[in-house]
Amino acid sequence: MTLTRRDVFATAGAAAATLAVQKSASAQSFDFKPNQRYPDASVEILDPSFAKHRLFSSTLEQLATGMRWAEGPVWFGDGRYLLVSDIPNNRIMRYDEATGNWGVFRHPSNFANGNARDRQGRLITCEHLTRRVTRTEYDGKITVLADNFNGKRLNSPNDIVCKSDGSIWFTDPPFGIGGEWEGDKQTSELPHSVYRIAPDGKLGLITADLAGPNGLAFSPDEKKIYIIESRAQPNRLVWSFDVGADGFTLSNKTKLIDGGATALDGMKVDTDGNLWCGWGSTGAANSKGEELDGVKVFNSEGKAIGFIRLPERCPNLVFGGVKKNRLYMASSHSLYALYVEARGAV
C-alpha cells in the first residue's frame, strides 16, 4: 500500500493522540465558561471596519487545556488537525478537529517552539534545545535545515513562515538558551537575527538589527514582511519592511504598531491584510492581564480595529478549519478557537 503525506501525518498523529488521551495532562488545567448569549461579548469591535469579520452567532471555545506554555500552532487541513507546541513540557500536542481528540503528537520535541508547513505540506519546526530548524519528512524522518550560520550555532529559532517561492524565514532570538525553562541555558554565539533558508537550502542573513525578533508574517501579496521586535525599549513593536524584487532584500523599515504595555508575540495575516496579533500582559505593574489578554487585530495601516478577549495571555495563533476561517489561539495553558468572517492569507 502506498501512503500519501496525509496518511503518514494523520496516522502518526492519531496513534499518538489515542495513547495520550488516556493520560492526564502534566500541567494545570483550567475551567472555562463560554458566553451563552450572542453576540459573544468577548469579541469587541474597536473600529467599524472590523464588524464584517465578527460572526454574530459564533462564540469563543476552549478546545483543550493542560499545557504550561503554548506556542507555535500550525494547521494541517488535509488531516483536519492542529499541532501546537507545549514548550516547557518538551512536547508537541495534537488537536483533531473532526473528533475533538487531544493528545501528544511528539515527545520529546527538543523544546519545539514555532511550527509551519512548507510548500510540500511537510512540518517545519523551530527547536530550542538543539538550536536548529528541522523538517519532518513524509516517512517521519527528521531533516536538519539549519543549525549554524558561518560556523556558529544559532541561538534558539523561534517563529517561522514559508514563502510561496519555497524559501523559509525564521527568527532567532536567544529566548530558549536564556535559562532552563524552554531549553538548556547556553551561551549565545550570534546576534539576534532573522534568517532565510533559500529553496536550494542555503542559509542567508536577512537582518540583525532587531532586539529579540519574534513573530513574523508576510502580507497577502508578499511585498511586505512584518516582524515583531519583542525586546524593543520601552515597548514591543511591529515593524513593516518592503520585500525587494529579488524576494529577500528588505527596505523601508517602518514602525507599524507600538505594543504599549503588552506582550506582543506572534501574529497572522488575513486575506484583507489585517494583522491578528497575540496580545497580553508583560507582567509589569501597568500591564493588567484581565484587560489585555487576548488577540488584537490591526489593519494594514496599523490601526486597531478589533479585540478578542481571552482569560489567558495569547502568545500565538493560526487560521485553520475547513474554510480557513477558524482562528485557533495558543494561549498559555489552553487552546481556544473562534469562527470569524476572515480567512488566513497563508
Foldseek 3Di string as FASTA:
>chain_A
DDDDLLRLLLVLQVVQLVVFLVDDAPADFDDDDKDPDWPGPLKDFPAVVCVQWGDRPWIKDFLDFRAQFWAAWEAQLSNQKIWIFRQLQQFIWMAHPVPSGIGTSDPNNLSWHHWYAFPSGWIWIWHQAQQFIWTQDSNRDIDTLDQADPPHGFQTWHYWDYDPQRKIKTWTANVSQCPPRRYHPDDHDDAGFMWIQHNVSDIDTQDRPAACWAAKEAFLVNQKIWIWRQPDPPFIFIWIWGADPVRRHTDDTDTQETLPQWRWHYWFAWNQGKIWTFIAGPPDPPGDGQVIAFIWIAHNNNHTTMTRGDPAGFRYWAQDDNQSQKIWTRGRGTIMIIGINTHTSD
